[in-house]
């Protein structure tokens, strides 16, 4: 963690993006575009 703090921060940012931003965006898009649920 102390060796490459930048890499550690990128991993946290990536985790946050995958588990928070993506599902949130999917929910929002799904509310406006019902067809997106069928395509996935």
N, C-alpha and C. Protein backbone atom coordinates (compact mmCIF):
# COMPACT_ATOMS: atom_id res chain seq x y z
N UNK A 1 0.84 -1.19 0.00
CA UNK A 1 0.00 0.00 0.00
C UNK A 1 0.88 1.25 0.00
N UNK A 2 1.97 1.20 0.74
CA UNK A 2 2.86 2.36 0.83
C UNK A 2 3.82 2.41 -0.37
N UNK A 3 3.95 1.26 -1.07
CA UNK A 3 4.88 1.21 -2.19
C UNK A 3 4.33 2.00 -3.38
N UNK A 4 3.06 1.73 -3.74
CA UNK A 4 2.45 2.43 -4.88
C UNK A 4 1.07 2.95 -4.49
N UNK A 5 1.02 4.08 -3.78
CA UNK A 5 -0.28 4.62 -3.35
C UNK A 5 -1.17 5.01 -4.52
N UNK A 6 -0.54 5.41 -5.64
CA UNK A 6 -1.33 5.78 -6.82
C UNK A 6 -2.10 4.59 -7.35
N UNK A 7 -1.43 3.44 -7.43
CA UNK A 7 -2.07 2.23 -7.92
C UNK A 7 -3.20 1.81 -6.98
N UNK A 8 -2.95 1.96 -5.69
CA UNK A 8 -3.96 1.60 -4.70
C UNK A 8 -5.21 2.48 -4.86
N UNK A 9 -4.98 3.76 -5.09
CA UNK A 9 -6.11 4.68 -5.27
C UNK A 9 -6.87 4.34 -6.55
N UNK A 10 -6.14 3.93 -7.58
CA UNK A 10 -6.80 3.57 -8.84
C UNK A 10 -7.66 2.32 -8.65
N UNK A 11 -7.19 1.39 -7.81
CA UNK A 11 -7.97 0.18 -7.57
C UNK A 11 -9.25 0.52 -6.83
N UNK A 12 -9.14 1.43 -5.86
CA UNK A 12 -10.33 1.85 -5.11
C UNK A 12 -11.30 2.57 -6.04
N UNK A 13 -10.75 3.44 -6.90
CA UNK A 13 -11.60 4.18 -7.84
C UNK A 13 -12.28 3.21 -8.81
N UNK A 14 -11.54 2.20 -9.26
CA UNK A 14 -12.11 1.21 -10.17
C UNK A 14 -13.20 0.40 -9.50
N UNK A 15 -12.97 0.04 -8.24
CA UNK A 15 -13.96 -0.73 -7.49
C UNK A 15 -15.23 0.10 -7.30
N UNK A 16 -15.01 1.37 -6.93
CA UNK A 16 -16.14 2.28 -6.72
C UNK A 16 -16.93 2.44 -8.01
N UNK A 17 -16.21 2.61 -9.13
CA UNK A 17 -16.86 2.80 -10.42
C UNK A 17 -17.69 1.58 -10.81
N UNK A 18 -17.12 0.38 -10.61
CA UNK A 18 -17.81 -0.85 -11.02
C UNK A 18 -19.02 -1.16 -10.15
N UNK A 19 -18.91 -0.88 -8.83
CA UNK A 19 -19.97 -1.30 -7.91
C UNK A 19 -20.94 -0.20 -7.54
N UNK A 20 -20.63 1.05 -7.89
CA UNK A 20 -21.53 2.15 -7.53
C UNK A 20 -22.01 2.90 -8.77
N UNK A 21 -21.08 3.36 -9.58
CA UNK A 21 -21.44 4.18 -10.74
C UNK A 21 -22.17 3.37 -11.81
N UNK A 22 -21.64 2.19 -12.15
CA UNK A 22 -22.25 1.39 -13.20
C UNK A 22 -23.68 0.96 -12.86
N UNK A 23 -23.92 0.36 -11.67
CA UNK A 23 -25.29 -0.04 -11.33
C UNK A 23 -26.23 1.16 -11.26
N UNK A 24 -25.71 2.29 -10.75
CA UNK A 24 -26.54 3.49 -10.64
C UNK A 24 -26.92 3.98 -12.03
N UNK A 25 -25.94 4.00 -12.94
CA UNK A 25 -26.20 4.43 -14.31
C UNK A 25 -27.18 3.47 -14.98
N UNK A 26 -27.02 2.18 -14.72
CA UNK A 26 -27.91 1.19 -15.30
C UNK A 26 -29.33 1.38 -14.83
N UNK A 27 -29.49 1.73 -13.56
CA UNK A 27 -30.82 1.96 -13.00
C UNK A 27 -31.46 3.19 -13.62
N UNK A 28 -30.65 4.24 -13.76
CA UNK A 28 -31.16 5.49 -14.33
C UNK A 28 -31.54 5.28 -15.79
N UNK A 29 -30.63 4.65 -16.57
CA UNK A 29 -30.92 4.41 -17.98
C UNK A 29 -32.11 3.46 -18.13
N UNK A 30 -32.22 2.49 -17.22
CA UNK A 30 -33.31 1.54 -17.29
C UNK A 30 -34.65 2.21 -17.05
N UNK A 31 -34.63 3.29 -16.25
CA UNK A 31 -35.87 4.00 -15.95
C UNK A 31 -36.33 4.80 -17.17
N UNK A 32 -35.36 5.34 -17.93
CA UNK A 32 -35.70 6.14 -19.10
C UNK A 32 -35.78 5.31 -20.38
N UNK A 33 -34.97 4.24 -20.43
CA UNK A 33 -34.93 3.40 -21.62
C UNK A 33 -35.17 1.93 -21.23
N UNK A 34 -36.44 1.51 -21.22
CA UNK A 34 -36.78 0.14 -20.79
C UNK A 34 -36.11 -0.94 -21.63
N UNK A 35 -35.80 -0.63 -22.88
CA UNK A 35 -35.22 -1.63 -23.78
C UNK A 35 -33.82 -2.05 -23.35
N UNK A 36 -33.14 -1.22 -22.56
CA UNK A 36 -31.76 -1.54 -22.17
C UNK A 36 -31.73 -2.79 -21.29
N UNK A 37 -32.81 -3.04 -20.56
CA UNK A 37 -32.86 -4.21 -19.69
C UNK A 37 -32.95 -5.49 -20.53
N UNK A 38 -33.57 -5.40 -21.68
CA UNK A 38 -33.73 -6.57 -22.54
C UNK A 38 -32.43 -6.92 -23.25
N UNK A 39 -31.66 -5.90 -23.61
CA UNK A 39 -30.43 -6.12 -24.37
C UNK A 39 -29.33 -6.73 -23.52
N UNK A 40 -29.29 -6.38 -22.23
CA UNK A 40 -28.22 -6.88 -21.36
C UNK A 40 -28.46 -8.34 -21.02
